Amino acid sequence: MNGQEGFQAIPQSREDYVAFLWSDKPNRAHAVLVEIFCEQFPGARYAIGNAPLAIRAVSGDVYGTGSTSLLDPVYIFKGKLRAAATRAKFHDSADLRWLEAQYSDQLRANVGQFNLQYIGLALKRYPELELMFARIGVNVTAAKQTVAQLNFNQLPAPAPGDVHRGILG
């Protein structure tokens, strides 16, 4: 995609991730970061093909009307939960709160899919998430106990497949 229709590759060392800046302006003004987590890479353990997708209509000024596939909100929540557990970027916490506000019934119905260790780590990093997790039926006490002895310096370094495991694991 590098050099195609406004895309410019950002060099990466990971095998499961590529990133581009995209802009429709010749001077690259207001470029947007496009991140792609590749499904196929050496050592891949998870396949997105089994994840439920929702087809949504989209309309744009340049390419007109079409459709796109979106991950089920539960899977998006799982991915954001992993992100909030393993890195310090405030927008991960904000994204979790937004998803809960929009999809609380779906999240509550699938609460057993959420990794308690990720929840515990997210709570250590963002204590303000406790009420949100309680609203969707998480055993907050159990989540906190799973990470009581962990600290963020003990977490393994990011590795290929981590994002996939967070979403699909």
N, C-alpha and C. Protein backbone atom coordinates (compact mmCIF):
# COMPACT_ATOMS: atom_id res chain seq x y z
N MET A 1 0.82 -1.20 0.00
CA MET A 1 0.00 0.00 0.00
C MET A 1 0.86 1.26 0.00
N ASN A 2 2.14 1.12 0.36
CA ASN A 2 3.01 2.29 0.43
C ASN A 2 3.01 3.03 -0.90
N GLY A 3 2.70 4.32 -0.84
CA GLY A 3 2.68 5.14 -2.04
C GLY A 3 1.38 5.09 -2.82
N GLN A 4 0.45 4.24 -2.42
CA GLN A 4 -0.82 4.11 -3.12
C GLN A 4 -1.86 5.07 -2.53
N GLU A 5 -2.48 5.86 -3.35
CA GLU A 5 -3.60 6.73 -2.99
C GLU A 5 -3.46 7.40 -1.62
N GLY A 6 -2.31 8.03 -1.37
CA GLY A 6 -2.12 8.81 -0.16
C GLY A 6 -1.52 8.07 1.02
N PHE A 7 -1.20 6.78 0.87
CA PHE A 7 -0.64 6.00 1.97
C PHE A 7 0.88 6.12 1.99
N GLN A 8 1.44 6.27 3.18
CA GLN A 8 2.89 6.29 3.36
C GLN A 8 3.22 5.36 4.53
N ALA A 9 4.03 4.33 4.28
CA ALA A 9 4.38 3.35 5.31
C ALA A 9 5.23 3.98 6.41
N ILE A 10 5.01 3.51 7.63
CA ILE A 10 5.84 3.87 8.78
C ILE A 10 6.64 2.61 9.10
N PRO A 11 7.96 2.67 9.01
CA PRO A 11 8.77 1.47 9.24
C PRO A 11 8.48 0.84 10.61
N GLN A 12 8.38 -0.49 10.63
CA GLN A 12 8.09 -1.26 11.85
C GLN A 12 9.03 -2.46 11.91
N SER A 13 9.24 -2.97 13.11
CA SER A 13 10.06 -4.18 13.25
C SER A 13 9.20 -5.40 13.58
N ARG A 14 7.92 -5.21 13.81
CA ARG A 14 7.04 -6.33 14.17
C ARG A 14 6.55 -7.06 12.93
N GLU A 15 6.31 -8.36 13.08
CA GLU A 15 5.81 -9.17 11.97
C GLU A 15 4.29 -9.19 11.90
N ASP A 16 3.64 -8.77 12.97
CA ASP A 16 2.18 -8.84 13.02
C ASP A 16 1.51 -7.48 12.88
N TYR A 17 2.26 -6.47 12.53
CA TYR A 17 1.74 -5.10 12.56
C TYR A 17 2.37 -4.27 11.45
N VAL A 18 1.53 -3.51 10.77
CA VAL A 18 2.01 -2.50 9.82
C VAL A 18 1.25 -1.21 10.09
N ALA A 19 1.90 -0.10 9.80
CA ALA A 19 1.27 1.19 10.04
C ALA A 19 1.53 2.10 8.84
N PHE A 20 0.55 2.94 8.56
CA PHE A 20 0.63 3.89 7.46
C PHE A 20 0.08 5.23 7.94
N LEU A 21 0.56 6.28 7.32
CA LEU A 21 -0.10 7.57 7.41
C LEU A 21 -0.84 7.76 6.10
N TRP A 22 -2.08 8.21 6.19
CA TRP A 22 -2.85 8.46 4.99
C TRP A 22 -3.32 9.90 4.99
N SER A 23 -3.20 10.53 3.84
CA SER A 23 -3.72 11.88 3.67
C SER A 23 -4.15 12.05 2.21
N ASP A 24 -5.22 12.78 2.01
CA ASP A 24 -5.66 13.08 0.64
C ASP A 24 -5.11 14.43 0.18
N LYS A 25 -4.20 15.01 0.96
CA LYS A 25 -3.60 16.30 0.62
C LYS A 25 -2.17 16.07 0.11
N PRO A 26 -1.76 16.77 -0.94
CA PRO A 26 -0.39 16.62 -1.46
C PRO A 26 0.68 16.92 -0.42
N ASN A 27 0.40 17.86 0.50
CA ASN A 27 1.39 18.21 1.53
C ASN A 27 1.26 17.33 2.78
N ARG A 28 0.42 16.27 2.71
CA ARG A 28 0.21 15.29 3.79
C ARG A 28 -0.45 15.91 5.03
N ALA A 29 -1.09 17.06 4.86
CA ALA A 29 -1.76 17.73 5.99
C ALA A 29 -2.86 16.84 6.56
N HIS A 30 -3.02 16.90 7.85
CA HIS A 30 -4.07 16.17 8.57
C HIS A 30 -4.01 14.67 8.29
N ALA A 31 -2.82 14.13 8.22
CA ALA A 31 -2.66 12.69 7.97
C ALA A 31 -3.27 11.89 9.11
N VAL A 32 -3.81 10.75 8.76
CA VAL A 32 -4.46 9.84 9.70
C VAL A 32 -3.61 8.59 9.84
N LEU A 33 -3.41 8.13 11.07
CA LEU A 33 -2.68 6.90 11.31
C LEU A 33 -3.59 5.71 11.04
N VAL A 34 -3.15 4.80 10.19
CA VAL A 34 -3.88 3.58 9.88
C VAL A 34 -3.03 2.42 10.38
N GLU A 35 -3.54 1.67 11.35
CA GLU A 35 -2.81 0.54 11.91
C GLU A 35 -3.48 -0.75 11.48
N ILE A 36 -2.67 -1.70 11.08
CA ILE A 36 -3.19 -2.99 10.63
C ILE A 36 -2.46 -4.08 11.40
N PHE A 37 -3.23 -4.91 12.10
CA PHE A 37 -2.68 -6.07 12.78
C PHE A 37 -2.93 -7.26 11.87
N CYS A 38 -1.85 -7.77 11.30
CA CYS A 38 -1.93 -8.83 10.29
C CYS A 38 -2.33 -10.15 10.92
N GLU A 39 -3.21 -10.84 10.24
CA GLU A 39 -3.69 -12.12 10.75
C GLU A 39 -2.66 -13.22 10.53
N GLN A 40 -1.95 -13.16 9.44
CA GLN A 40 -0.99 -14.22 9.11
C GLN A 40 0.43 -13.69 9.26
N PHE A 41 1.18 -14.32 10.14
CA PHE A 41 2.57 -13.99 10.39
C PHE A 41 3.20 -15.21 11.05
N PRO A 42 4.53 -15.34 11.00
CA PRO A 42 5.16 -16.51 11.63
C PRO A 42 4.78 -16.63 13.11
N GLY A 43 4.28 -17.77 13.51
CA GLY A 43 3.88 -18.00 14.90
C GLY A 43 2.45 -17.63 15.22
N ALA A 44 1.66 -17.22 14.23
CA ALA A 44 0.26 -16.83 14.49
C ALA A 44 -0.51 -17.98 15.10
N ARG A 45 -1.33 -17.68 16.13
CA ARG A 45 -2.12 -18.70 16.80
C ARG A 45 -3.63 -18.47 16.67
N TYR A 46 -4.04 -17.29 16.27
CA TYR A 46 -5.45 -16.95 16.23
C TYR A 46 -5.85 -16.51 14.83
N ALA A 47 -7.06 -16.87 14.43
CA ALA A 47 -7.58 -16.47 13.12
C ALA A 47 -8.85 -15.64 13.32
N ILE A 48 -8.91 -14.53 12.67
CA ILE A 48 -10.05 -13.63 12.78
C ILE A 48 -11.28 -14.19 12.08
N GLY A 49 -11.09 -15.18 11.20
CA GLY A 49 -12.18 -15.73 10.41
C GLY A 49 -13.35 -16.25 11.23
N ASN A 50 -13.12 -16.65 12.47
CA ASN A 50 -14.19 -17.18 13.30
C ASN A 50 -14.88 -16.12 14.15
N ALA A 51 -14.36 -14.90 14.14
CA ALA A 51 -14.97 -13.84 14.94
C ALA A 51 -16.22 -13.32 14.24
N PRO A 52 -17.28 -13.06 15.00
CA PRO A 52 -18.50 -12.53 14.37
C PRO A 52 -18.28 -11.10 13.87
N LEU A 53 -18.72 -10.87 12.66
CA LEU A 53 -18.61 -9.55 12.05
C LEU A 53 -20.00 -8.99 11.76
N ALA A 54 -20.09 -7.69 11.81
CA ALA A 54 -21.33 -7.00 11.44
C ALA A 54 -21.04 -6.22 10.16
N ILE A 55 -21.92 -6.36 9.18
CA ILE A 55 -21.78 -5.61 7.92
C ILE A 55 -22.57 -4.31 8.07
N ARG A 56 -21.91 -3.20 7.81
CA ARG A 56 -22.54 -1.89 7.95
C ARG A 56 -22.39 -1.12 6.64
N ALA A 57 -23.42 -0.38 6.30
CA ALA A 57 -23.37 0.51 5.13
C ALA A 57 -22.55 1.74 5.49
N VAL A 58 -21.75 2.18 4.54
CA VAL A 58 -20.97 3.40 4.71
C VAL A 58 -21.14 4.26 3.47
N SER A 59 -20.99 5.55 3.67
CA SER A 59 -21.11 6.48 2.54
C SER A 59 -20.03 7.54 2.70
N GLY A 60 -19.34 7.82 1.62
CA GLY A 60 -18.28 8.81 1.68
C GLY A 60 -18.31 9.73 0.48
N ASP A 61 -17.67 10.87 0.63
CA ASP A 61 -17.64 11.86 -0.45
C ASP A 61 -16.84 11.39 -1.65
N VAL A 62 -15.79 10.62 -1.44
CA VAL A 62 -14.91 10.23 -2.53
C VAL A 62 -15.33 8.91 -3.17
N TYR A 63 -15.55 7.89 -2.35
CA TYR A 63 -15.82 6.56 -2.89
C TYR A 63 -17.30 6.18 -2.90
N GLY A 64 -18.15 7.06 -2.46
CA GLY A 64 -19.59 6.80 -2.52
C GLY A 64 -20.06 5.83 -1.46
N THR A 65 -21.07 5.04 -1.83
CA THR A 65 -21.71 4.13 -0.90
C THR A 65 -21.14 2.73 -1.05
N GLY A 66 -21.02 2.05 0.07
CA GLY A 66 -20.53 0.67 0.06
C GLY A 66 -20.82 0.03 1.40
N SER A 67 -20.09 -1.02 1.70
CA SER A 67 -20.27 -1.68 3.00
C SER A 67 -18.90 -2.03 3.57
N THR A 68 -18.88 -2.21 4.87
CA THR A 68 -17.65 -2.60 5.56
C THR A 68 -18.00 -3.61 6.65
N SER A 69 -17.03 -4.39 7.02
CA SER A 69 -17.20 -5.39 8.09
C SER A 69 -16.57 -4.85 9.36
N LEU A 70 -17.30 -4.94 10.45
CA LEU A 70 -16.81 -4.48 11.75
C LEU A 70 -16.85 -5.64 12.74
N LEU A 71 -15.87 -5.68 13.62
CA LEU A 71 -15.89 -6.68 14.68
C LEU A 71 -17.06 -6.44 15.61
N ASP A 72 -17.59 -7.50 16.15
CA ASP A 72 -18.62 -7.42 17.18
C ASP A 72 -18.08 -6.57 18.34
N PRO A 73 -18.92 -5.71 18.94
CA PRO A 73 -18.46 -4.84 20.03
C PRO A 73 -17.82 -5.58 21.20
N VAL A 74 -18.23 -6.82 21.46
CA VAL A 74 -17.63 -7.59 22.55
C VAL A 74 -16.14 -7.83 22.25
N TYR A 75 -15.82 -8.13 21.01
CA TYR A 75 -14.43 -8.36 20.63
C TYR A 75 -13.62 -7.07 20.65
N ILE A 76 -14.23 -5.98 20.26
CA ILE A 76 -13.55 -4.69 20.34
C ILE A 76 -13.26 -4.36 21.80
N PHE A 77 -14.24 -4.62 22.69
CA PHE A 77 -14.05 -4.39 24.11
C PHE A 77 -12.89 -5.24 24.64
N LYS A 78 -12.84 -6.52 24.22
CA LYS A 78 -11.76 -7.40 24.67
C LYS A 78 -10.40 -6.86 24.23
N GLY A 79 -10.32 -6.36 23.02
CA GLY A 79 -9.06 -5.80 22.55
C GLY A 79 -8.67 -4.55 23.31
N LYS A 80 -9.63 -3.68 23.56
CA LYS A 80 -9.36 -2.46 24.31
C LYS A 80 -9.03 -2.77 25.76
N LEU A 81 -9.65 -3.80 26.32
CA LEU A 81 -9.35 -4.22 27.68
C LEU A 81 -7.88 -4.64 27.78
N ARG A 82 -7.42 -5.45 26.84
CA ARG A 82 -6.02 -5.86 26.84
C ARG A 82 -5.10 -4.65 26.73
N ALA A 83 -5.46 -3.71 25.86
CA ALA A 83 -4.66 -2.50 25.71
C ALA A 83 -4.59 -1.72 27.02
N ALA A 84 -5.73 -1.54 27.67
CA ALA A 84 -5.76 -0.80 28.94
C ALA A 84 -4.96 -1.51 30.02
N ALA A 85 -4.90 -2.83 29.95
CA ALA A 85 -4.17 -3.60 30.94
C ALA A 85 -2.66 -3.52 30.75
N THR A 86 -2.22 -3.32 29.52
CA THR A 86 -0.80 -3.49 29.22
C THR A 86 -0.07 -2.23 28.81
N ARG A 87 -0.76 -1.11 28.68
CA ARG A 87 -0.08 0.13 28.33
C ARG A 87 -0.78 1.30 29.00
N ALA A 88 -0.08 2.40 29.12
CA ALA A 88 -0.62 3.59 29.77
C ALA A 88 -1.01 4.63 28.72
N LYS A 89 -2.16 4.43 28.11
CA LYS A 89 -2.70 5.41 27.16
C LYS A 89 -4.15 5.67 27.58
N PHE A 90 -4.39 6.89 28.07
CA PHE A 90 -5.69 7.21 28.65
C PHE A 90 -6.85 6.90 27.72
N HIS A 91 -6.65 7.04 26.42
CA HIS A 91 -7.77 6.83 25.51
C HIS A 91 -8.28 5.39 25.57
N ASP A 92 -7.45 4.42 26.00
CA ASP A 92 -7.95 3.05 26.16
C ASP A 92 -9.04 2.99 27.23
N SER A 93 -8.82 3.68 28.32
CA SER A 93 -9.82 3.76 29.39
C SER A 93 -11.09 4.46 28.90
N ALA A 94 -10.92 5.54 28.18
CA ALA A 94 -12.07 6.27 27.64
C ALA A 94 -12.83 5.41 26.64
N ASP A 95 -12.11 4.66 25.81
CA ASP A 95 -12.77 3.79 24.84
C ASP A 95 -13.59 2.70 25.53
N LEU A 96 -13.05 2.12 26.60
CA LEU A 96 -13.80 1.10 27.35
C LEU A 96 -15.09 1.69 27.92
N ARG A 97 -15.01 2.88 28.47
CA ARG A 97 -16.21 3.52 29.03
C ARG A 97 -17.23 3.82 27.93
N TRP A 98 -16.77 4.26 26.77
CA TRP A 98 -17.70 4.53 25.66
C TRP A 98 -18.37 3.24 25.21
N LEU A 99 -17.58 2.19 25.04
CA LEU A 99 -18.15 0.90 24.61
C LEU A 99 -19.19 0.40 25.60
N GLU A 100 -18.90 0.54 26.89
CA GLU A 100 -19.86 0.10 27.91
C GLU A 100 -21.14 0.94 27.84
N ALA A 101 -21.01 2.23 27.60
CA ALA A 101 -22.19 3.09 27.52
C ALA A 101 -23.06 2.71 26.32
N GLN A 102 -22.44 2.27 25.23
CA GLN A 102 -23.19 1.94 24.02
C GLN A 102 -23.69 0.49 23.99
N TYR A 103 -22.95 -0.43 24.59
CA TYR A 103 -23.22 -1.86 24.42
C TYR A 103 -23.28 -2.62 25.74
N SER A 104 -23.78 -1.99 26.78
CA SER A 104 -23.75 -2.60 28.11
C SER A 104 -24.48 -3.95 28.14
N ASP A 105 -25.62 -4.07 27.47
CA ASP A 105 -26.35 -5.34 27.49
C ASP A 105 -25.53 -6.47 26.86
N GLN A 106 -24.90 -6.18 25.71
CA GLN A 106 -24.07 -7.19 25.05
C GLN A 106 -22.87 -7.57 25.90
N LEU A 107 -22.25 -6.58 26.52
CA LEU A 107 -21.08 -6.86 27.37
C LEU A 107 -21.48 -7.68 28.58
N ARG A 108 -22.59 -7.32 29.19
CA ARG A 108 -23.08 -8.07 30.36
C ARG A 108 -23.38 -9.52 29.98
N ALA A 109 -23.95 -9.74 28.81
CA ALA A 109 -24.29 -11.09 28.37
C ALA A 109 -23.05 -11.92 28.06
N ASN A 110 -21.91 -11.27 27.85
CA ASN A 110 -20.68 -11.97 27.48
C ASN A 110 -19.56 -11.76 28.49
N VAL A 111 -19.91 -11.39 29.71
CA VAL A 111 -18.91 -11.04 30.72
C VAL A 111 -17.92 -12.18 30.99
N GLY A 112 -18.32 -13.41 30.79
CA GLY A 112 -17.43 -14.55 31.01
C GLY A 112 -16.28 -14.62 30.01
N GLN A 113 -16.36 -13.87 28.93
CA GLN A 113 -15.28 -13.86 27.93
C GLN A 113 -14.12 -12.94 28.32
N PHE A 114 -14.32 -12.10 29.33
CA PHE A 114 -13.32 -11.09 29.66
C PHE A 114 -12.28 -11.65 30.63
N ASN A 115 -11.02 -11.49 30.29
CA ASN A 115 -9.89 -12.01 31.05
C ASN A 115 -9.78 -11.26 32.38
N LEU A 116 -9.89 -11.99 33.50
CA LEU A 116 -9.84 -11.36 34.82
C LEU A 116 -8.50 -10.71 35.10
N GLN A 117 -7.42 -11.29 34.60
CA GLN A 117 -6.12 -10.67 34.81
C GLN A 117 -6.04 -9.33 34.07
N TYR A 118 -6.54 -9.28 32.85
CA TYR A 118 -6.56 -8.01 32.12
C TYR A 118 -7.42 -6.99 32.87
N ILE A 119 -8.56 -7.43 33.39
CA ILE A 119 -9.42 -6.51 34.15
C ILE A 119 -8.69 -5.99 35.38
N GLY A 120 -8.03 -6.90 36.11
CA GLY A 120 -7.28 -6.49 37.30
C GLY A 120 -6.19 -5.49 36.98
N LEU A 121 -5.44 -5.74 35.90
CA LEU A 121 -4.38 -4.81 35.50
C LEU A 121 -4.95 -3.47 35.05
N ALA A 122 -6.06 -3.51 34.32
CA ALA A 122 -6.70 -2.27 33.89
C ALA A 122 -7.16 -1.47 35.11
N LEU A 123 -7.66 -2.16 36.12
CA LEU A 123 -8.11 -1.47 37.35
C LEU A 123 -6.93 -0.87 38.11
N LYS A 124 -5.79 -1.55 38.11
CA LYS A 124 -4.61 -0.97 38.75
C LYS A 124 -4.19 0.32 38.06
N ARG A 125 -4.30 0.32 36.75
CA ARG A 125 -3.87 1.48 35.96
C ARG A 125 -4.95 2.57 35.95
N TYR A 126 -6.20 2.17 35.89
CA TYR A 126 -7.33 3.11 35.78
C TYR A 126 -8.40 2.74 36.81
N PRO A 127 -8.23 3.11 38.08
CA PRO A 127 -9.20 2.74 39.12
C PRO A 127 -10.61 3.24 38.83
N GLU A 128 -10.72 4.29 38.02
CA GLU A 128 -12.05 4.84 37.70
C GLU A 128 -12.91 3.88 36.90
N LEU A 129 -12.33 2.78 36.41
CA LEU A 129 -13.10 1.79 35.65
C LEU A 129 -13.88 0.82 36.53
N GLU A 130 -13.68 0.86 37.84
CA GLU A 130 -14.29 -0.13 38.72
C GLU A 130 -15.82 -0.17 38.60
N LEU A 131 -16.46 0.97 38.61
CA LEU A 131 -17.93 0.98 38.51
C LEU A 131 -18.40 0.45 37.16
N MET A 132 -17.67 0.77 36.10
CA MET A 132 -18.04 0.28 34.79
C MET A 132 -17.99 -1.25 34.76
N PHE A 133 -16.89 -1.82 35.29
CA PHE A 133 -16.79 -3.27 35.31
C PHE A 133 -17.89 -3.89 36.18
N ALA A 134 -18.19 -3.27 37.30
CA ALA A 134 -19.26 -3.78 38.17
C ALA A 134 -20.61 -3.75 37.44
N ARG A 135 -20.86 -2.70 36.67
CA ARG A 135 -22.14 -2.59 35.95
C ARG A 135 -22.33 -3.71 34.93
N ILE A 136 -21.24 -4.20 34.35
CA ILE A 136 -21.41 -5.28 33.36
C ILE A 136 -21.29 -6.66 34.00
N GLY A 137 -21.17 -6.70 35.33
CA GLY A 137 -21.22 -7.98 36.04
C GLY A 137 -19.89 -8.64 36.33
N VAL A 138 -18.80 -7.90 36.23
CA VAL A 138 -17.48 -8.45 36.54
C VAL A 138 -17.34 -8.61 38.06
N ASN A 139 -16.75 -9.70 38.49
CA ASN A 139 -16.39 -9.87 39.89
C ASN A 139 -15.11 -9.06 40.11
N VAL A 140 -15.27 -7.82 40.48
CA VAL A 140 -14.16 -6.89 40.61
C VAL A 140 -13.17 -7.36 41.67
N THR A 141 -13.67 -7.90 42.77
CA THR A 141 -12.79 -8.39 43.83
C THR A 141 -11.88 -9.50 43.30
N ALA A 142 -12.44 -10.44 42.57
CA ALA A 142 -11.65 -11.53 42.01
C ALA A 142 -10.62 -11.00 41.01
N ALA A 143 -11.02 -10.03 40.20
CA ALA A 143 -10.09 -9.45 39.22
C ALA A 143 -8.91 -8.79 39.93
N LYS A 144 -9.19 -8.06 40.99
CA LYS A 144 -8.12 -7.40 41.74
C LYS A 144 -7.20 -8.44 42.39
N GLN A 145 -7.77 -9.53 42.89
CA GLN A 145 -6.96 -10.56 43.54
C GLN A 145 -6.02 -11.25 42.55
N THR A 146 -6.42 -11.38 41.28
CA THR A 146 -5.58 -12.06 40.30
C THR A 146 -4.28 -11.31 40.03
N VAL A 147 -4.27 -10.02 40.31
CA VAL A 147 -3.07 -9.22 40.02
C VAL A 147 -2.49 -8.55 41.26
N ALA A 148 -2.94 -8.96 42.43
CA ALA A 148 -2.51 -8.30 43.66
C ALA A 148 -0.98 -8.28 43.79
N GLN A 149 -0.31 -9.32 43.36
CA GLN A 149 1.14 -9.41 43.51
C GLN A 149 1.91 -8.94 42.27
N LEU A 150 1.21 -8.56 41.22
CA LEU A 150 1.88 -8.12 39.99
C LEU A 150 2.12 -6.62 40.01
N ASN A 151 3.21 -6.23 39.37
CA ASN A 151 3.37 -4.80 39.11
C ASN A 151 3.70 -4.64 37.63
N PHE A 152 3.50 -3.46 37.13
CA PHE A 152 3.61 -3.23 35.69
C PHE A 152 5.02 -3.50 35.16
N ASN A 153 6.03 -3.40 36.00
CA ASN A 153 7.40 -3.67 35.57
C ASN A 153 7.64 -5.16 35.36
N GLN A 154 6.75 -6.01 35.84
CA GLN A 154 6.89 -7.45 35.69
C GLN A 154 6.21 -7.98 34.43
N LEU A 155 5.48 -7.14 33.74
CA LEU A 155 4.76 -7.60 32.55
C LEU A 155 5.75 -7.90 31.43
N PRO A 156 5.46 -8.94 30.65
CA PRO A 156 6.35 -9.22 29.52
C PRO A 156 6.28 -8.10 28.48
N ALA A 157 7.36 -7.96 27.74
CA ALA A 157 7.41 -6.96 26.66
C ALA A 157 6.39 -7.33 25.59
N PRO A 158 5.85 -6.34 24.87
CA PRO A 158 4.92 -6.65 23.78
C PRO A 158 5.55 -7.63 22.79
N ALA A 159 4.73 -8.54 22.31
CA ALA A 159 5.22 -9.57 21.39
C ALA A 159 4.21 -9.78 20.27
N PRO A 160 4.68 -10.28 19.12
CA PRO A 160 3.74 -10.57 18.03
C PRO A 160 2.62 -11.48 18.50
N GLY A 161 1.41 -11.13 18.13
CA GLY A 161 0.24 -11.93 18.48
C GLY A 161 -0.48 -11.47 19.74
N ASP A 162 0.09 -10.55 20.50
CA ASP A 162 -0.55 -10.08 21.74
C ASP A 162 -1.93 -9.47 21.46
N VAL A 163 -2.01 -8.63 20.45
CA VAL A 163 -3.29 -7.97 20.13
C VAL A 163 -4.32 -9.03 19.73
N HIS A 164 -3.91 -9.98 18.93
CA HIS A 164 -4.81 -11.05 18.49
C HIS A 164 -5.32 -11.87 19.68
N ARG A 165 -4.41 -12.18 20.63
CA ARG A 165 -4.80 -12.93 21.82
C ARG A 165 -5.80 -12.13 22.65
N GLY A 166 -5.59 -10.83 22.75
CA GLY A 166 -6.52 -9.98 23.51
C GLY A 166 -7.91 -9.98 22.92
N ILE A 167 -8.01 -9.96 21.60
CA ILE A 167 -9.30 -9.91 20.93
C ILE A 167 -9.95 -11.29 20.84
N LEU A 168 -9.18 -12.29 20.47
CA LEU A 168 -9.73 -13.60 20.13
C LEU A 168 -9.51 -14.67 21.19
N GLY A 169 -8.65 -14.40 22.17
CA GLY A 169 -8.33 -15.40 23.18
C GLY A 169 -9.34 -15.51 24.28
